[in-house]
N, C-alpha and C. Protein backbone atom coordinates (compact mmCIF):
# COMPACT_ATOMS: atom_id res chain seq x y z
N UNK A 1 11.68 -3.50 -34.71
CA UNK A 1 12.09 -3.28 -33.34
C UNK A 1 10.96 -3.67 -32.39
N UNK A 2 11.30 -4.32 -31.31
CA UNK A 2 10.33 -4.77 -30.32
C UNK A 2 9.91 -3.59 -29.45
N UNK A 3 8.61 -3.43 -29.25
CA UNK A 3 8.09 -2.35 -28.42
C UNK A 3 7.79 -2.90 -27.03
N UNK A 4 8.59 -2.50 -26.06
CA UNK A 4 8.40 -2.91 -24.67
C UNK A 4 7.82 -1.72 -23.93
N UNK A 5 6.65 -1.94 -23.32
CA UNK A 5 6.00 -0.89 -22.54
C UNK A 5 6.16 -1.23 -21.07
N UNK A 6 6.73 -0.29 -20.33
CA UNK A 6 6.90 -0.45 -18.89
C UNK A 6 5.96 0.53 -18.21
N UNK A 7 4.89 0.02 -17.67
CA UNK A 7 3.89 0.83 -16.99
C UNK A 7 4.15 0.72 -15.50
N UNK A 8 4.21 1.87 -14.82
CA UNK A 8 4.53 1.81 -13.39
C UNK A 8 3.76 2.85 -12.60
N UNK A 9 3.54 2.52 -11.35
CA UNK A 9 3.03 3.47 -10.37
C UNK A 9 4.14 3.62 -9.35
N UNK A 10 4.48 4.84 -9.03
CA UNK A 10 5.54 5.10 -8.05
C UNK A 10 4.98 5.98 -6.94
N UNK A 11 5.21 5.56 -5.73
CA UNK A 11 4.74 6.32 -4.57
C UNK A 11 5.58 7.56 -4.32
N UNK A 12 5.44 8.09 -3.14
CA UNK A 12 6.08 9.35 -2.78
C UNK A 12 7.60 9.32 -2.89
N UNK A 13 8.22 8.21 -2.56
CA UNK A 13 9.68 8.14 -2.58
C UNK A 13 10.28 8.05 -3.97
N UNK A 14 9.48 7.64 -4.95
CA UNK A 14 9.94 7.56 -6.32
C UNK A 14 10.85 6.39 -6.64
N UNK A 15 10.95 5.42 -5.73
CA UNK A 15 11.85 4.29 -5.95
C UNK A 15 11.42 3.43 -7.13
N UNK A 16 10.14 3.16 -7.25
CA UNK A 16 9.67 2.33 -8.38
C UNK A 16 9.94 3.03 -9.70
N UNK A 17 9.84 4.34 -9.74
CA UNK A 17 10.16 5.09 -10.95
C UNK A 17 11.63 4.90 -11.33
N UNK A 18 12.50 4.93 -10.34
CA UNK A 18 13.93 4.72 -10.60
C UNK A 18 14.18 3.32 -11.16
N UNK A 19 13.52 2.33 -10.57
CA UNK A 19 13.68 0.95 -11.03
C UNK A 19 13.13 0.80 -12.45
N UNK A 20 11.96 1.36 -12.72
CA UNK A 20 11.36 1.28 -14.06
C UNK A 20 12.24 1.97 -15.10
N UNK A 21 12.78 3.12 -14.75
CA UNK A 21 13.66 3.85 -15.66
C UNK A 21 14.93 3.06 -15.95
N UNK A 22 15.51 2.47 -14.92
CA UNK A 22 16.71 1.65 -15.12
C UNK A 22 16.40 0.44 -16.00
N UNK A 23 15.25 -0.17 -15.80
CA UNK A 23 14.85 -1.31 -16.63
C UNK A 23 14.69 -0.88 -18.08
N UNK A 24 14.06 0.26 -18.31
CA UNK A 24 13.87 0.77 -19.68
C UNK A 24 15.22 0.96 -20.37
N UNK A 25 16.18 1.47 -19.65
CA UNK A 25 17.52 1.65 -20.21
C UNK A 25 18.19 0.31 -20.50
N UNK A 26 18.02 -0.65 -19.61
CA UNK A 26 18.64 -1.98 -19.77
C UNK A 26 18.09 -2.73 -20.98
N UNK A 27 16.79 -2.55 -21.25
CA UNK A 27 16.18 -3.27 -22.37
C UNK A 27 16.27 -2.50 -23.67
N UNK A 28 17.07 -1.48 -23.69
CA UNK A 28 17.31 -0.75 -24.93
C UNK A 28 16.23 0.23 -25.30
N UNK A 29 15.77 0.97 -24.34
CA UNK A 29 14.82 2.04 -24.65
C UNK A 29 13.36 1.64 -24.55
N UNK A 30 13.03 0.81 -23.58
CA UNK A 30 11.62 0.51 -23.37
C UNK A 30 10.85 1.80 -23.12
N UNK A 31 9.62 1.83 -23.55
CA UNK A 31 8.80 3.04 -23.37
C UNK A 31 8.20 3.03 -21.97
N UNK A 32 8.32 4.15 -21.27
CA UNK A 32 7.78 4.29 -19.92
C UNK A 32 6.41 4.95 -19.95
N UNK A 33 5.52 4.47 -19.11
CA UNK A 33 4.20 5.09 -18.94
C UNK A 33 3.89 5.07 -17.45
N UNK A 34 3.72 6.25 -16.87
CA UNK A 34 3.48 6.36 -15.43
C UNK A 34 1.99 6.37 -15.12
N UNK A 35 1.60 5.58 -14.15
CA UNK A 35 0.23 5.59 -13.64
C UNK A 35 0.17 6.68 -12.59
N UNK A 36 -0.63 7.72 -12.87
CA UNK A 36 -0.71 8.86 -11.95
C UNK A 36 -2.14 9.04 -11.46
N UNK A 37 -2.32 9.14 -10.16
CA UNK A 37 -3.66 9.37 -9.62
C UNK A 37 -4.20 10.73 -10.04
N UNK A 38 -5.50 10.81 -10.25
CA UNK A 38 -6.14 12.11 -10.48
C UNK A 38 -6.06 12.90 -9.18
N UNK A 39 -6.40 12.25 -8.09
CA UNK A 39 -6.22 12.80 -6.74
C UNK A 39 -5.79 11.65 -5.84
N UNK A 40 -5.07 11.97 -4.80
CA UNK A 40 -4.67 10.92 -3.86
C UNK A 40 -5.92 10.39 -3.17
N UNK A 41 -5.92 9.10 -2.93
CA UNK A 41 -7.09 8.43 -2.35
C UNK A 41 -7.15 8.59 -0.84
N UNK A 42 -6.32 9.43 -0.27
CA UNK A 42 -6.31 9.63 1.18
C UNK A 42 -4.97 9.22 1.76
N UNK A 43 -4.95 9.03 3.07
CA UNK A 43 -3.72 8.63 3.76
C UNK A 43 -3.38 7.17 3.52
N UNK A 44 -2.26 6.76 4.06
CA UNK A 44 -1.79 5.39 3.87
C UNK A 44 -2.81 4.36 4.37
N UNK A 45 -3.48 4.63 5.49
CA UNK A 45 -4.46 3.67 6.01
C UNK A 45 -5.59 3.47 5.01
N UNK A 46 -6.13 4.56 4.48
CA UNK A 46 -7.23 4.47 3.52
C UNK A 46 -6.78 3.75 2.25
N UNK A 47 -5.60 4.10 1.74
CA UNK A 47 -5.11 3.44 0.53
C UNK A 47 -4.86 1.96 0.78
N UNK A 48 -4.36 1.65 1.98
CA UNK A 48 -4.16 0.24 2.33
C UNK A 48 -5.47 -0.52 2.37
N UNK A 49 -6.50 0.10 2.92
CA UNK A 49 -7.83 -0.54 2.96
C UNK A 49 -8.38 -0.72 1.55
N UNK A 50 -8.21 0.29 0.71
CA UNK A 50 -8.68 0.18 -0.67
C UNK A 50 -7.96 -0.96 -1.39
N UNK A 51 -6.67 -1.08 -1.16
CA UNK A 51 -5.90 -2.16 -1.77
C UNK A 51 -6.38 -3.51 -1.25
N UNK A 52 -6.58 -3.60 0.05
CA UNK A 52 -7.00 -4.86 0.66
C UNK A 52 -8.30 -5.38 0.05
N UNK A 53 -9.19 -4.48 -0.28
CA UNK A 53 -10.49 -4.88 -0.84
C UNK A 53 -10.51 -4.86 -2.36
N UNK A 54 -9.34 -4.67 -2.99
CA UNK A 54 -9.24 -4.71 -4.45
C UNK A 54 -9.93 -3.55 -5.13
N UNK A 55 -10.06 -2.44 -4.43
CA UNK A 55 -10.74 -1.28 -4.99
C UNK A 55 -9.84 -0.55 -5.98
N UNK A 56 -10.44 0.36 -6.73
CA UNK A 56 -9.72 1.14 -7.72
C UNK A 56 -9.84 2.62 -7.38
N UNK A 57 -8.91 3.41 -7.92
CA UNK A 57 -8.95 4.86 -7.77
C UNK A 57 -8.59 5.47 -9.11
N UNK A 58 -9.26 6.55 -9.45
CA UNK A 58 -9.13 7.18 -10.76
C UNK A 58 -7.69 7.60 -11.06
N UNK A 59 -7.26 7.35 -12.31
CA UNK A 59 -5.91 7.73 -12.75
C UNK A 59 -6.01 8.62 -13.98
N UNK A 60 -4.95 9.39 -14.19
CA UNK A 60 -4.86 10.23 -15.38
C UNK A 60 -4.71 9.34 -16.61
N UNK A 61 -5.04 9.85 -17.79
CA UNK A 61 -4.90 9.03 -19.00
C UNK A 61 -3.48 8.48 -19.14
N UNK A 62 -3.41 7.21 -19.46
CA UNK A 62 -2.14 6.50 -19.65
C UNK A 62 -2.39 5.42 -20.69
N UNK A 63 -1.36 4.99 -21.37
CA UNK A 63 -1.51 4.02 -22.45
C UNK A 63 -2.07 2.69 -21.91
N UNK A 64 -3.27 2.36 -22.34
CA UNK A 64 -3.90 1.09 -21.96
C UNK A 64 -4.14 0.19 -23.15
N UNK A 65 -4.11 0.74 -24.37
CA UNK A 65 -4.29 -0.06 -25.58
C UNK A 65 -2.94 -0.66 -25.95
N UNK A 66 -2.87 -1.98 -25.88
CA UNK A 66 -1.60 -2.68 -26.11
C UNK A 66 -1.45 -3.19 -27.54
N UNK A 67 -2.29 -2.73 -28.46
CA UNK A 67 -2.26 -3.22 -29.84
C UNK A 67 -0.88 -3.12 -30.47
N UNK A 68 -0.14 -2.06 -30.19
CA UNK A 68 1.19 -1.88 -30.80
C UNK A 68 2.33 -2.23 -29.85
N UNK A 69 2.01 -2.91 -28.75
CA UNK A 69 3.00 -3.30 -27.75
C UNK A 69 3.35 -4.76 -27.95
N UNK A 70 4.65 -5.07 -27.90
CA UNK A 70 5.10 -6.45 -28.04
C UNK A 70 5.28 -7.15 -26.70
N UNK A 71 5.62 -6.38 -25.68
CA UNK A 71 5.86 -6.95 -24.35
C UNK A 71 5.51 -5.89 -23.31
N UNK A 72 4.74 -6.29 -22.29
CA UNK A 72 4.31 -5.38 -21.23
C UNK A 72 4.99 -5.73 -19.92
N UNK A 73 5.43 -4.70 -19.21
CA UNK A 73 5.92 -4.86 -17.85
C UNK A 73 5.08 -3.95 -16.97
N UNK A 74 4.51 -4.50 -15.91
CA UNK A 74 3.78 -3.70 -14.94
C UNK A 74 4.62 -3.67 -13.67
N UNK A 75 5.01 -2.47 -13.25
CA UNK A 75 5.83 -2.29 -12.05
C UNK A 75 5.01 -1.57 -10.99
N UNK A 76 4.99 -2.13 -9.81
CA UNK A 76 4.22 -1.54 -8.72
C UNK A 76 5.10 -1.43 -7.48
N UNK A 77 4.85 -0.42 -6.67
CA UNK A 77 5.68 -0.16 -5.49
C UNK A 77 5.26 -1.00 -4.29
N UNK A 78 5.62 -0.54 -3.12
CA UNK A 78 5.31 -1.30 -1.91
C UNK A 78 3.90 -1.85 -1.93
N UNK A 79 3.82 -3.09 -1.61
CA UNK A 79 2.53 -3.77 -1.60
C UNK A 79 1.76 -3.34 -0.36
N UNK A 80 0.52 -2.98 -0.56
CA UNK A 80 -0.33 -2.57 0.54
C UNK A 80 -1.27 -3.71 0.88
N UNK A 81 -1.23 -4.19 2.11
CA UNK A 81 -2.10 -5.28 2.55
C UNK A 81 -1.92 -6.52 1.68
N UNK A 82 -0.68 -6.74 1.21
CA UNK A 82 -0.35 -7.87 0.32
C UNK A 82 -1.10 -7.79 -1.01
N UNK A 83 -1.50 -6.60 -1.38
CA UNK A 83 -2.23 -6.35 -2.62
C UNK A 83 -1.54 -5.23 -3.37
N UNK A 84 -2.10 -4.86 -4.52
CA UNK A 84 -1.52 -3.76 -5.28
C UNK A 84 -2.30 -2.47 -5.02
N UNK A 85 -1.67 -1.32 -5.23
CA UNK A 85 -2.34 -0.05 -4.99
C UNK A 85 -3.60 0.10 -5.86
N UNK A 86 -4.58 0.85 -5.38
CA UNK A 86 -5.82 1.04 -6.13
C UNK A 86 -5.61 1.65 -7.51
N UNK A 87 -4.53 2.41 -7.68
CA UNK A 87 -4.23 3.03 -8.97
C UNK A 87 -3.81 1.98 -10.00
N UNK A 88 -3.09 0.98 -9.54
CA UNK A 88 -2.68 -0.12 -10.42
C UNK A 88 -3.91 -0.95 -10.80
N UNK A 89 -4.80 -1.19 -9.83
CA UNK A 89 -6.05 -1.90 -10.14
C UNK A 89 -6.84 -1.19 -11.23
N UNK A 90 -6.89 0.13 -11.14
CA UNK A 90 -7.63 0.92 -12.14
C UNK A 90 -6.98 0.77 -13.51
N UNK A 91 -5.66 0.87 -13.57
CA UNK A 91 -4.97 0.70 -14.85
C UNK A 91 -5.29 -0.67 -15.45
N UNK A 92 -5.14 -1.70 -14.66
CA UNK A 92 -5.36 -3.06 -15.15
C UNK A 92 -6.78 -3.25 -15.67
N UNK A 93 -7.74 -2.58 -15.07
CA UNK A 93 -9.14 -2.71 -15.50
C UNK A 93 -9.39 -2.09 -16.87
N UNK A 94 -8.49 -1.23 -17.33
CA UNK A 94 -8.69 -0.52 -18.59
C UNK A 94 -7.86 -1.06 -19.74
N UNK A 95 -7.04 -2.07 -19.51
CA UNK A 95 -6.17 -2.62 -20.56
C UNK A 95 -7.00 -3.24 -21.68
N UNK A 96 -6.64 -2.90 -22.92
CA UNK A 96 -7.30 -3.48 -24.10
C UNK A 96 -6.21 -3.90 -25.10
N UNK A 97 -6.62 -4.65 -26.10
CA UNK A 97 -5.68 -5.06 -27.15
C UNK A 97 -4.58 -5.95 -26.63
N UNK A 98 -4.87 -6.75 -25.61
CA UNK A 98 -3.84 -7.51 -24.92
C UNK A 98 -3.74 -8.97 -25.36
N UNK A 99 -4.60 -9.41 -26.23
CA UNK A 99 -4.66 -10.83 -26.59
C UNK A 99 -3.30 -11.37 -27.02
N UNK A 100 -2.83 -12.37 -26.29
CA UNK A 100 -1.58 -13.04 -26.62
C UNK A 100 -0.31 -12.29 -26.27
N UNK A 101 -0.42 -11.13 -25.67
CA UNK A 101 0.78 -10.33 -25.36
C UNK A 101 1.51 -10.92 -24.15
N UNK A 102 2.83 -11.14 -24.29
CA UNK A 102 3.60 -11.59 -23.13
C UNK A 102 3.79 -10.42 -22.15
N UNK A 103 3.97 -10.77 -20.88
CA UNK A 103 4.13 -9.73 -19.87
C UNK A 103 4.97 -10.22 -18.70
N UNK A 104 5.44 -9.26 -17.92
CA UNK A 104 6.14 -9.53 -16.66
C UNK A 104 5.59 -8.57 -15.62
N UNK A 105 5.72 -8.98 -14.37
CA UNK A 105 5.28 -8.15 -13.25
C UNK A 105 6.48 -7.90 -12.35
N UNK A 106 6.68 -6.64 -12.01
CA UNK A 106 7.77 -6.26 -11.14
C UNK A 106 7.17 -5.62 -9.89
N UNK A 107 7.38 -6.26 -8.74
CA UNK A 107 6.92 -5.71 -7.47
C UNK A 107 8.16 -5.49 -6.63
N UNK A 108 8.48 -4.21 -6.40
CA UNK A 108 9.67 -3.92 -5.61
C UNK A 108 9.24 -3.52 -4.20
N UNK A 109 9.83 -4.24 -3.25
CA UNK A 109 9.50 -3.97 -1.85
C UNK A 109 10.51 -4.63 -0.94
N UNK A 110 10.53 -4.23 0.30
CA UNK A 110 11.50 -4.76 1.24
C UNK A 110 10.96 -5.88 2.11
N UNK A 111 9.66 -6.02 2.21
CA UNK A 111 9.08 -7.01 3.10
C UNK A 111 8.48 -8.19 2.37
N UNK A 112 7.50 -8.82 3.00
CA UNK A 112 6.86 -9.98 2.40
C UNK A 112 5.55 -9.57 1.73
N UNK A 113 5.00 -10.46 0.94
CA UNK A 113 3.72 -10.20 0.30
C UNK A 113 3.79 -10.00 -1.19
N UNK A 114 4.99 -9.98 -1.74
CA UNK A 114 5.14 -9.73 -3.18
C UNK A 114 4.45 -10.80 -4.02
N UNK A 115 4.52 -12.05 -3.59
CA UNK A 115 3.93 -13.14 -4.39
C UNK A 115 2.44 -12.92 -4.59
N UNK A 116 1.76 -12.49 -3.55
CA UNK A 116 0.33 -12.24 -3.63
C UNK A 116 0.03 -11.12 -4.62
N UNK A 117 0.80 -10.05 -4.56
CA UNK A 117 0.60 -8.90 -5.46
C UNK A 117 0.88 -9.30 -6.91
N UNK A 118 1.94 -10.07 -7.12
CA UNK A 118 2.27 -10.52 -8.48
C UNK A 118 1.11 -11.34 -9.04
N UNK A 119 0.55 -12.21 -8.23
CA UNK A 119 -0.54 -13.06 -8.70
C UNK A 119 -1.78 -12.23 -9.05
N UNK A 120 -2.05 -11.19 -8.30
CA UNK A 120 -3.19 -10.31 -8.59
C UNK A 120 -3.02 -9.68 -9.97
N UNK A 121 -1.83 -9.17 -10.25
CA UNK A 121 -1.58 -8.55 -11.55
C UNK A 121 -1.65 -9.59 -12.65
N UNK A 122 -1.06 -10.75 -12.43
CA UNK A 122 -1.10 -11.83 -13.44
C UNK A 122 -2.54 -12.21 -13.79
N UNK A 123 -3.35 -12.43 -12.76
CA UNK A 123 -4.75 -12.82 -13.01
C UNK A 123 -5.49 -11.75 -13.79
N UNK A 124 -5.28 -10.52 -13.40
CA UNK A 124 -5.97 -9.42 -14.08
C UNK A 124 -5.56 -9.34 -15.55
N UNK A 125 -4.27 -9.44 -15.83
CA UNK A 125 -3.80 -9.37 -17.22
C UNK A 125 -4.25 -10.59 -18.02
N UNK A 126 -4.28 -11.75 -17.40
CA UNK A 126 -4.75 -12.94 -18.11
C UNK A 126 -6.23 -12.82 -18.47
N UNK A 127 -7.01 -12.21 -17.58
CA UNK A 127 -8.43 -11.97 -17.90
C UNK A 127 -8.58 -11.07 -19.12
N UNK A 128 -7.59 -10.23 -19.35
CA UNK A 128 -7.59 -9.33 -20.50
C UNK A 128 -6.98 -9.99 -21.74
N UNK A 129 -6.50 -11.24 -21.59
CA UNK A 129 -5.97 -11.97 -22.73
C UNK A 129 -4.46 -12.03 -22.79
N UNK A 130 -3.77 -11.32 -21.92
CA UNK A 130 -2.30 -11.34 -21.94
C UNK A 130 -1.79 -12.74 -21.65
N UNK A 131 -0.69 -13.08 -22.33
CA UNK A 131 -0.02 -14.34 -22.05
C UNK A 131 -0.72 -15.57 -22.59
N UNK A 132 -1.79 -15.39 -23.31
CA UNK A 132 -2.51 -16.53 -23.87
C UNK A 132 -2.76 -16.30 -25.34
N UNK A 133 -3.20 -17.32 -25.99
CA UNK A 133 -3.51 -17.20 -27.42
C UNK A 133 -4.74 -16.31 -27.61
N UNK A 134 -4.79 -15.57 -28.71
CA UNK A 134 -5.99 -14.76 -28.97
C UNK A 134 -7.22 -15.63 -29.05
N UNK A 135 -8.30 -15.12 -28.53
CA UNK A 135 -9.57 -15.87 -28.57
C UNK A 135 -10.26 -15.66 -29.90
N UNK A 136 -10.94 -16.73 -30.39
CA UNK A 136 -11.64 -16.59 -31.70
C UNK A 136 -12.81 -15.64 -31.61
């Protein structure tokens, strides 16, 4: 059986969580892992500034070792400053065991800027080896 891990950060409204849960059901029981802040990084302005500068914020333990994962999906909520939330940046910085793992990025939002956020996640995962052949 293929192990699909859907890692998501969901803001106050919980919309990304609903989307991630629906996706897990559609793919036949994908495993969900929520990115949860240890503490909130402040108000929306501060979090937006942190996102704009690519900063990270501490998260609770979540599955980052992808050794037993066949496919990874990273889902992130509203894009802040055309970037991803600092909690997602922190998660991406801790990913291991990713060599050659295929992945998808899901950015759900109503406005513009999704392409920029998707590219940030793609670059980060590729630096970790996702989507490419294992290195010797």
